[in-house]
PDB file of N, CA and C in Angstrom:
ATOM      1  N   GLU A   1      62.527   8.529  40.672  1.00  0.00           N
ATOM      2  CA  GLU A   1      61.916   9.823  40.082  1.00  0.00           C
ATOM      3  C   GLU A   1      60.380   9.579  40.513  1.00  0.00           C
ATOM      4  N   GLU A   2      59.701   8.500  40.383  1.00  0.00           N
ATOM      5  CA  GLU A   2      58.410   8.154  40.897  1.00  0.00           C
ATOM      6  C   GLU A   2      58.114   8.684  42.342  1.00  0.00           C
ATOM      7  N   SER A   3      58.892   8.248  43.158  1.00  0.00           N
ATOM      8  CA  SER A   3      59.015   8.591  44.639  1.00  0.00           C
ATOM      9  C   SER A   3      58.913  10.297  44.832  1.00  0.00           C
ATOM     10  N   VAL A   4      59.604  10.749  44.084  1.00  0.00           N
ATOM     11  CA  VAL A   4      60.047  12.181  44.314  1.00  0.00           C
ATOM     12  C   VAL A   4      58.698  12.878  43.853  1.00  0.00           C
ATOM     13  N   ARG A   5      58.085  12.258  42.622  1.00  0.00           N
ATOM     14  CA  ARG A   5      56.899  12.980  41.851  1.00  0.00           C
ATOM     15  C   ARG A   5      55.669  12.796  43.020  1.00  0.00           C
ATOM     16  N   ARG A   6      55.533  11.564  43.574  1.00  0.00           N
ATOM     17  CA  ARG A   6      54.407  11.336  44.573  1.00  0.00           C
ATOM     18  C   ARG A   6      54.601  12.244  45.781  1.00  0.00           C
ATOM     19  N   ARG A   7      55.687  12.621  46.276  1.00  0.00           N
ATOM     20  CA  ARG A   7      55.830  13.031  47.514  1.00  0.00           C
ATOM     21  C   ARG A   7      55.576  14.720  47.289  1.00  0.00           C
ATOM     22  N   GLU A   8      56.274  15.257  45.920  1.00  0.00           N
ATOM     23  CA  GLU A   8      55.977  16.671  45.865  1.00  0.00           C
ATOM     24  C   GLU A   8      54.492  16.843  45.474  1.00  0.00           C
ATOM     25  N   LEU A   9      54.003  15.895  44.945  1.00  0.00           N
ATOM     26  CA  LEU A   9      52.304  16.058  44.546  1.00  0.00           C
ATOM     27  C   LEU A   9      51.478  15.961  45.896  1.00  0.00           C
ATOM     28  N   TYR A  10      51.861  15.298  46.776  1.00  0.00           N
ATOM     29  CA  TYR A  10      51.314  15.227  48.227  1.00  0.00           C
ATOM     30  C   TYR A  10      51.471  16.637  48.718  1.00  0.00           C
ATOM     31  N   LEU A  11      52.675  17.130  48.851  1.00  0.00           N
ATOM     32  CA  LEU A  11      52.991  18.411  49.462  1.00  0.00           C
ATOM     33  C   LEU A  11      52.089  19.424  48.779  1.00  0.00           C
ATOM     34  N   TRP A  12      52.198  19.448  47.539  1.00  0.00           N
ATOM     35  CA  TRP A  12      51.463  20.554  46.783  1.00  0.00           C
ATOM     36  C   TRP A  12      49.971  20.538  47.025  1.00  0.00           C
ATOM     37  N   LEU A  13      49.386  19.374  47.082  1.00  0.00           N
ATOM     38  CA  LEU A  13      48.070  19.157  47.300  1.00  0.00           C
ATOM     39  C   LEU A  13      47.580  19.771  48.625  1.00  0.00           C
ATOM     40  N   TYR A  14      48.364  19.526  49.504  1.00  0.00           N
ATOM     41  CA  TYR A  14      48.232  19.771  50.838  1.00  0.00           C
ATOM     42  C   TYR A  14      47.329  21.323  51.157  1.00  0.00           C
ATOM     43  N   GLY A  15      48.040  22.138  50.282  1.00  0.00           N
ATOM     44  CA  GLY A  15      47.522  23.498  50.284  1.00  0.00           C
ATOM     45  C   GLY A  15      46.315  23.617  49.433  1.00  0.00           C
ATOM     46  N   LYS A  16      46.194  22.915  48.184  1.00  0.00           N
ATOM     47  CA  LYS A  16      45.251  23.008  47.358  1.00  0.00           C
ATOM     48  C   LYS A  16      44.020  22.559  48.027  1.00  0.00           C
ATOM     49  N   ILE A  17      44.071  21.377  48.705  1.00  0.00           N
ATOM     50  CA  ILE A  17      42.824  20.825  49.304  1.00  0.00           C
ATOM     51  C   ILE A  17      42.219  21.604  50.333  1.00  0.00           C
ATOM     52  N   ILE A  18      43.035  22.340  50.953  1.00  0.00           N
ATOM     53  CA  ILE A  18      42.346  23.541  51.974  1.00  0.00           C
ATOM     54  C   ILE A  18      41.795  24.530  51.214  1.00  0.00           C
ATOM     55  N   GLU A  19      42.530  25.174  50.333  1.00  0.00           N
ATOM     56  CA  GLU A  19      41.880  25.992  49.375  1.00  0.00           C
ATOM     57  C   GLU A  19      40.748  25.923  48.641  1.00  0.00           C
ATOM     58  N   PHE A  20      40.374  24.494  48.319  1.00  0.00           N
ATOM     59  CA  PHE A  20      39.166  24.177  47.739  1.00  0.00           C
ATOM     60  C   PHE A  20      38.035  23.933  48.772  1.00  0.00           C
ATOM     61  N   GLY A  21      38.466  23.726  50.115  1.00  0.00           N
ATOM     62  CA  GLY A  21      37.356  23.736  51.039  1.00  0.00           C
ATOM     63  C   GLY A  21      37.641  22.439  51.786  1.00  0.00           C
ATOM     64  N   GLY A  22      38.506  21.542  51.406  1.00  0.00           N
ATOM     65  CA  GLY A  22      38.616  20.072  51.873  1.00  0.00           C
ATOM     66  C   GLY A  22      39.564  20.076  53.189  1.00  0.00           C
ATOM     67  N   LYS A  23      39.663  19.121  53.966  1.00  0.00           N
ATOM     68  CA  LYS A  23      40.495  18.889  55.093  1.00  0.00           C
ATOM     69  C   LYS A  23      41.367  17.883  54.864  1.00  0.00           C
ATOM     70  N   PRO A  24      42.635  17.975  54.912  1.00  0.00           N
ATOM     71  CA  PRO A  24      43.594  16.906  54.568  1.00  0.00           C
ATOM     72  C   PRO A  24      43.419  15.822  56.031  1.00  0.00           C
ATOM     73  N   VAL A  25      43.584  14.632  55.891  1.00  0.00           N
ATOM     74  CA  VAL A  25      43.588  13.553  57.104  1.00  0.00           C
ATOM     75  C   VAL A  25      44.855  13.539  57.720  1.00  0.00           C
ATOM     76  N   ASN A  26      46.019  13.966  56.973  1.00  0.00           N
ATOM     77  CA  ASN A  26      47.196  14.004  57.756  1.00  0.00           C
ATOM     78  C   ASN A  26      47.830  15.279  57.731  1.00  0.00           C
ATOM     79  N   LYS A  27      48.554  15.881  58.700  1.00  0.00           N
ATOM     80  CA  LYS A  27      49.166  17.247  58.772  1.00  0.00           C
ATOM     81  C   LYS A  27      50.337  17.551  58.036  1.00  0.00           C
ATOM     82  N   ASP A  28      51.154  16.122  57.988  1.00  0.00           N
ATOM     83  CA  ASP A  28      52.428  15.940  57.499  1.00  0.00           C
ATOM     84  C   ASP A  28      52.734  14.794  56.749  1.00  0.00           C
ATOM     85  N   LEU A  29      53.914  14.578  55.871  1.00  0.00           N
ATOM     86  CA  LEU A  29      54.166  13.519  55.292  1.00  0.00           C
ATOM     87  C   LEU A  29      55.439  12.807  55.986  1.00  0.00           C
ATOM     88  N   PRO A  30      55.524  11.949  56.451  1.00  0.00           N
ATOM     89  CA  PRO A  30      56.598  11.416  57.095  1.00  0.00           C
ATOM     90  C   PRO A  30      57.854  11.160  56.148  1.00  0.00           C
ATOM     91  N   LYS A  31      59.048  11.183  56.754  1.00  0.00           N
ATOM     92  CA  LYS A  31      60.124  11.224  55.749  1.00  0.00           C
ATOM     93  C   LYS A  31      60.185   9.599  55.567  1.00  0.00           C
ATOM     94  N   GLY A  32      60.522   9.687  54.306  1.00  0.00           N
ATOM     95  CA  GLY A  32      60.607   8.300  53.676  1.00  0.00           C
ATOM     96  C   GLY A  32      59.378   7.757  53.181  1.00  0.00           C
ATOM     97  N   CYS A  33      58.086   8.388  53.465  1.00  0.00           N
ATOM     98  CA  CYS A  33      56.938   7.980  53.152  1.00  0.00           C
ATOM     99  C   CYS A  33      56.523   8.236  51.676  1.00  0.00           C
ATOM    100  N   VAL A  34      56.233   7.273  50.674  1.00  0.00           N
ATOM    101  CA  VAL A  34      55.828   7.426  49.457  1.00  0.00           C
ATOM    102  C   VAL A  34      54.254   7.054  49.249  1.00  0.00           C
ATOM    103  N   PRO A  35      53.699   8.110  49.319  1.00  0.00           N
ATOM    104  CA  PRO A  35      52.101   8.012  49.299  1.00  0.00           C
ATOM    105  C   PRO A  35      51.535   7.389  47.972  1.00  0.00           C
ATOM    106  N   TYR A  36      50.328   6.732  47.929  1.00  0.00           N
ATOM    107  CA  TYR A  36      49.812   6.283  46.852  1.00  0.00           C
ATOM    108  C   TYR A  36      48.750   7.390  46.475  1.00  0.00           C
ATOM    109  N   GLY A  37      48.267   8.310  47.233  1.00  0.00           N
ATOM    110  CA  GLY A  37      47.282   9.056  47.039  1.00  0.00           C
ATOM    111  C   GLY A  37      47.213   9.974  48.144  1.00  0.00           C
ATOM    112  N   PHE A  38      46.258  11.079  48.045  1.00  0.00           N
ATOM    113  CA  PHE A  38      46.181  12.059  49.279  1.00  0.00           C
ATOM    114  C   PHE A  38      44.807  11.888  49.666  1.00  0.00           C
ATOM    115  N   PRO A  39      44.648  11.475  50.988  1.00  0.00           N
ATOM    116  CA  PRO A  39      43.333  11.473  51.867  1.00  0.00           C
ATOM    117  C   PRO A  39      42.815  12.817  52.173  1.00  0.00           C
ATOM    118  N   PHE A  40      41.685  12.952  52.119  1.00  0.00           N
ATOM    119  CA  PHE A  40      41.029  14.184  52.673  1.00  0.00           C
ATOM    120  C   PHE A  40      39.731  14.188  52.922  1.00  0.00           C
ATOM    121  N   TYR A  41      39.022  14.838  53.774  1.00  0.00           N
ATOM    122  CA  TYR A  41      37.722  15.059  54.057  1.00  0.00           C
ATOM    123  C   TYR A  41      36.910  16.014  53.279  1.00  0.00           C
ATOM    124  N   ALA A  42      35.885  15.882  52.631  1.00  0.00           N
ATOM    125  CA  ALA A  42      35.249  17.017  51.871  1.00  0.00           C
ATOM    126  C   ALA A  42      33.667  17.004  52.301  1.00  0.00           C
ATOM    127  N   PRO A  43      33.408  18.147  52.998  1.00  0.00           N
ATOM    128  CA  PRO A  43      31.760  18.358  53.131  1.00  0.00           C
ATOM    129  C   PRO A  43      30.935  17.680  51.690  1.00  0.00           C
ATOM    130  N   LEU A  44      30.084  17.072  52.176  1.00  0.00           N
ATOM    131  CA  LEU A  44      29.112  16.769  50.952  1.00  0.00           C
ATOM    132  C   LEU A  44      28.555  17.776  50.119  1.00  0.00           C
ATOM    133  N   SER A  45      28.369  18.919  50.535  1.00  0.00           N
ATOM    134  CA  SER A  45      28.157  20.152  49.591  1.00  0.00           C
ATOM    135  C   SER A  45      29.266  20.617  48.638  1.00  0.00           C
ATOM    136  N   LEU A  46      30.482  20.071  49.079  1.00  0.00           N
ATOM    137  CA  LEU A  46      31.590  20.513  48.102  1.00  0.00           C
ATOM    138  C   LEU A  46      32.420  19.592  47.329  1.00  0.00           C
ATOM    139  N   VAL A  47      31.828  18.230  47.650  1.00  0.00           N
ATOM    140  CA  VAL A  47      32.527  17.101  46.927  1.00  0.00           C
ATOM    141  C   VAL A  47      32.613  17.372  45.296  1.00  0.00           C
ATOM    142  N   LYS A  48      31.487  17.652  44.819  1.00  0.00           N
ATOM    143  CA  LYS A  48      31.798  17.753  43.309  1.00  0.00           C
ATOM    144  C   LYS A  48      32.407  18.922  42.951  1.00  0.00           C
ATOM    145  N   THR A  49      32.553  20.043  43.642  1.00  0.00           N
ATOM    146  CA  THR A  49      33.052  21.179  43.438  1.00  0.00           C
ATOM    147  C   THR A  49      34.640  20.821  43.383  1.00  0.00           C
ATOM    148  N   ILE A  50      35.031  20.125  44.405  1.00  0.00           N
ATOM    149  CA  ILE A  50      36.300  20.017  44.775  1.00  0.00           C
ATOM    150  C   ILE A  50      36.805  18.887  43.646  1.00  0.00           C
ATOM    151  N   GLU A  51      35.981  17.845  43.258  1.00  0.00           N
ATOM    152  CA  GLU A  51      36.407  16.845  42.353  1.00  0.00           C
ATOM    153  C   GLU A  51      36.554  17.630  40.934  1.00  0.00           C
ATOM    154  N   ASN A  52      35.770  18.655  40.606  1.00  0.00           N
ATOM    155  CA  ASN A  52      35.974  19.299  39.331  1.00  0.00           C
ATOM    156  C   ASN A  52      37.131  20.164  39.404  1.00  0.00           C
ATOM    157  N   LYS A  53      37.337  20.672  40.258  1.00  0.00           N
ATOM    158  CA  LYS A  53      38.700  21.505  40.441  1.00  0.00           C
ATOM    159  C   LYS A  53      39.849  20.564  40.215  1.00  0.00           C
ATOM    160  N   LEU A  54      39.931  19.460  40.873  1.00  0.00           N
ATOM    161  CA  LEU A  54      41.045  18.630  40.830  1.00  0.00           C
ATOM    162  C   LEU A  54      40.994  17.899  39.451  1.00  0.00           C
ATOM    163  N   LEU A  55      39.833  17.691  38.856  1.00  0.00           N
ATOM    164  CA  LEU A  55      39.869  17.166  37.357  1.00  0.00           C
ATOM    165  C   LEU A  55      40.517  18.038  36.391  1.00  0.00           C
ATOM    166  N   SER A  56      40.145  19.510  36.653  1.00  0.00           N
ATOM    167  CA  SER A  56      40.826  20.624  35.678  1.00  0.00           C
ATOM    168  C   SER A  56      42.171  20.544  35.753  1.00  0.00           C
ATOM    169  N   ILE A  57      42.897  19.730  36.686  1.00  0.00           N
ATOM    170  CA  ILE A  57      44.438  19.794  36.854  1.00  0.00           C
ATOM    171  C   ILE A  57      44.781  18.373  36.479  1.00  0.00           C
ATOM    172  N   GLY A  58      43.862  17.519  35.977  1.00  0.00           N
ATOM    173  CA  GLY A  58      44.244  16.395  35.702  1.00  0.00           C
ATOM    174  C   GLY A  58      44.222  15.319  36.929  1.00  0.00           C
ATOM    175  N   LEU A  59      43.549  15.666  38.101  1.00  0.00           N
ATOM    176  CA  LEU A  59      43.735  14.679  38.985  1.00  0.00           C
ATOM    177  C   LEU A  59      42.419  13.791  39.362  1.00  0.00           C
ATOM    178  N   GLU A  60      42.140  12.822  39.833  1.00  0.00           N
ATOM    179  CA  GLU A  60      40.928  11.975  40.030  1.00  0.00           C
ATOM    180  C   GLU A  60      40.734  11.856  41.369  1.00  0.00           C
ATOM    181  N   THR A  61      39.591  12.034  41.987  1.00  0.00           N
ATOM    182  CA  THR A  61      39.343  11.409  43.321  1.00  0.00           C
ATOM    183  C   THR A  61      38.367  10.235  43.217  1.00  0.00           C
ATOM    184  N   PHE A  62      38.177   9.450  44.321  1.00  0.00           N
ATOM    185  CA  PHE A  62      37.569   8.401  44.662  1.00  0.00           C
ATOM    186  C   PHE A  62      37.020   8.343  46.282  1.00  0.00           C
ATOM    187  N   SER A  63      35.905   7.625  46.315  1.00  0.00           N
ATOM    188  CA  SER A  63      35.585   7.264  47.859  1.00  0.00           C
ATOM    189  C   SER A  63      36.666   6.420  48.543  1.00  0.00           C
ATOM    190  N   TRP A  64      36.903   6.703  49.660  1.00  0.00           N
ATOM    191  CA  TRP A  64      37.957   6.023  50.217  1.00  0.00           C
ATOM    192  C   TRP A  64      37.554   5.612  51.870  1.00  0.00           C
ATOM    193  N   PRO A  65      37.494   4.566  52.154  1.00  0.00           N
ATOM    194  CA  PRO A  65      37.698   3.333  51.536  1.00  0.00           C
ATOM    195  C   PRO A  65      36.535   2.701  50.892  1.00  0.00           C
ATOM    196  N   ASP A  66      36.799   2.059  49.773  1.00  0.00           N
ATOM    197  CA  ASP A  66      35.894   1.362  48.750  1.00  0.00           C
ATOM    198  C   ASP A  66      35.081   0.405  49.459  1.00  0.00           C
ATOM    199  N   LEU A  67      33.938   0.579  49.971  1.00  0.00           N
ATOM    200  CA  LEU A  67      33.090  -0.231  50.774  1.00  0.00           C
ATOM    201  C   LEU A  67      32.099  -0.760  49.921  1.00  0.00           C
ATOM    202  N   PRO A  68      31.492  -2.003  50.330  1.00  0.00           N
ATOM    203  CA  PRO A  68      30.352  -2.512  49.364  1.00  0.00           C
ATOM    204  C   PRO A  68      29.145  -1.773  49.535  1.00  0.00           C
ATOM    205  N   ASN A  69      28.408  -1.534  48.647  1.00  0.00           N
ATOM    206  CA  ASN A  69      26.953  -0.561  48.854  1.00  0.00           C
ATOM    207  C   ASN A  69      26.157  -1.031  49.842  1.00  0.00           C
ATOM    208  N   ASP A  70      26.034  -2.268  50.417  1.00  0.00           N
ATOM    209  CA  ASP A  70      25.188  -2.708  51.295  1.00  0.00           C
ATOM    210  C   ASP A  70      25.827  -2.276  52.618  1.00  0.00           C
ATOM    211  N   LEU A  71      27.171  -1.872  52.713  1.00  0.00           N
ATOM    212  CA  LEU A  71      27.555  -1.237  53.933  1.00  0.00           C
ATOM    213  C   LEU A  71      27.386   0.325  54.076  1.00  0.00           C
ATOM    214  N   THR A  72      27.335   0.942  52.995  1.00  0.00           N
ATOM    215  CA  THR A  72      27.756   2.436  53.187  1.00  0.00           C
ATOM    216  C   THR A  72      26.478   3.220  54.087  1.00  0.00           C
ATOM    217  N   ASN A  73      25.180   2.421  54.224  1.00  0.00           N
ATOM    218  CA  ASN A  73      24.403   3.174  55.091  1.00  0.00           C
ATOM    219  C   ASN A  73      24.645   2.853  56.381  1.00  0.00           C
ATOM    220  N   ASN A  74      25.433   1.875  56.881  1.00  0.00           N
ATOM    221  CA  ASN A  74      25.719   1.479  57.980  1.00  0.00           C
ATOM    222  C   ASN A  74      27.037   2.048  58.720  1.00  0.00           C
ATOM    223  N   ILE A  75      27.677   2.938  58.035  1.00  0.00           N
ATOM    224  CA  ILE A  75      28.982   3.212  58.569  1.00  0.00           C
ATOM    225  C   ILE A  75      28.977   4.606  59.089  1.00  0.00           C
ATOM    226  N   PRO A  76      29.998   5.029  59.948  1.00  0.00           N
ATOM    227  CA  PRO A  76      30.016   6.414  60.529  1.00  0.00           C
ATOM    228  C   PRO A  76      29.914   7.520  59.478  1.00  0.00           C
ATOM    229  N   ASP A  77      29.635   8.666  59.492  1.00  0.00           N
ATOM    230  CA  ASP A  77      29.426   9.558  58.734  1.00  0.00           C
ATOM    231  C   ASP A  77      30.939  10.038  58.304  1.00  0.00           C
ATOM    232  N   HIS A  78      31.839  10.078  59.068  1.00  0.00           N
ATOM    233  CA  HIS A  78      33.305  10.458  58.789  1.00  0.00           C
ATOM    234  C   HIS A  78      33.705   9.646  57.654  1.00  0.00           C
ATOM    235  N   TYR A  79      33.236   8.471  57.350  1.00  0.00           N
ATOM    236  CA  TYR A  79      33.644   7.506  56.255  1.00  0.00           C
ATOM    237  C   TYR A  79      33.046   8.171  54.938  1.00  0.00           C
ATOM    238  N   LYS A  80      31.905   8.744  55.041  1.00  0.00           N
ATOM    239  CA  LYS A  80      31.131   8.934  53.880  1.00  0.00           C
ATOM    240  C   LYS A  80      31.759  10.254  53.286  1.00  0.00           C
ATOM    241  N   LEU A  81      32.549  11.141  54.209  1.00  0.00           N
ATOM    242  CA  LEU A  81      33.153  12.256  53.620  1.00  0.00           C
ATOM    243  C   LEU A  81      34.537  12.283  53.337  1.00  0.00           C
ATOM    244  N   LEU A  82      35.231  11.024  53.290  1.00  0.00           N
ATOM    245  CA  LEU A  82      36.568  10.698  53.211  1.00  0.00           C
ATOM    246  C   LEU A  82      36.754  10.415  51.528  1.00  0.00           C
ATOM    247  N   ARG A  83      37.602  10.965  50.927  1.00  0.00           N
ATOM    248  CA  ARG A  83      37.992  10.958  49.717  1.00  0.00           C
ATOM    249  C   ARG A  83      39.603  10.723  49.595  1.00  0.00           C
ATOM    250  N   CYS A  84      39.955  10.437  48.311  1.00  0.00           N
ATOM    251  CA  CYS A  84      41.211  10.229  48.119  1.00  0.00           C
ATOM    252  C   CYS A  84      41.625  10.651  46.779  1.00  0.00           C
ATOM    253  N   VAL A  85      42.743  11.501  46.430  1.00  0.00           N
ATOM    254  CA  VAL A  85      43.256  11.799  45.070  1.00  0.00           C
ATOM    255  C   VAL A  85      44.186  10.694  44.574  1.00  0.00           C
ATOM    256  N   ARG A  86      44.022  10.115  43.507  1.00  0.00           N
ATOM    257  CA  ARG A  86      44.704   8.977  42.951  1.00  0.00           C
ATOM    258  C   ARG A  86      46.049   9.577  42.426  1.00  0.00           C
ATOM    259  N   PHE A  87      47.175   8.798  43.113  1.00  0.00           N
ATOM    260  CA  PHE A  87      48.509   9.086  42.517  1.00  0.00           C
ATOM    261  C   PHE A  87      48.980   8.137  41.429  1.00  0.00           C
ATOM    262  N   LEU A  88      48.260   6.943  41.366  1.00  0.00           N
ATOM    263  CA  LEU A  88      48.659   5.881  40.565  1.00  0.00           C
ATOM    264  C   LEU A  88      47.645   5.571  39.401  1.00  0.00           C
ATOM    265  N   TRP A  89      48.096   5.382  38.154  1.00  0.00           N
ATOM    266  CA  TRP A  89      47.114   5.332  37.144  1.00  0.00           C
ATOM    267  C   TRP A  89      47.259   3.731  36.576  1.00  0.00           C
TER     268      TRP A  89
END
């Protein structure tokens, strides 16, 4: 049941993330893959808006990967735009 829930949530979120202004990292979900979350890119101007829309439907996001603060100024910009919807609580 848990595997089915996470796969269905991933597939449903694909369209929602695009609708909210984000860009999914992966175009599809490989057969047999059971994701821990949904990675997506979000423009800095939309991060809070996307987070609030996801929170309104009970989903939480976080920066991904979770890097130490002293590294965040020295990483490529695409990492700063990378977010993930948490599937596990």
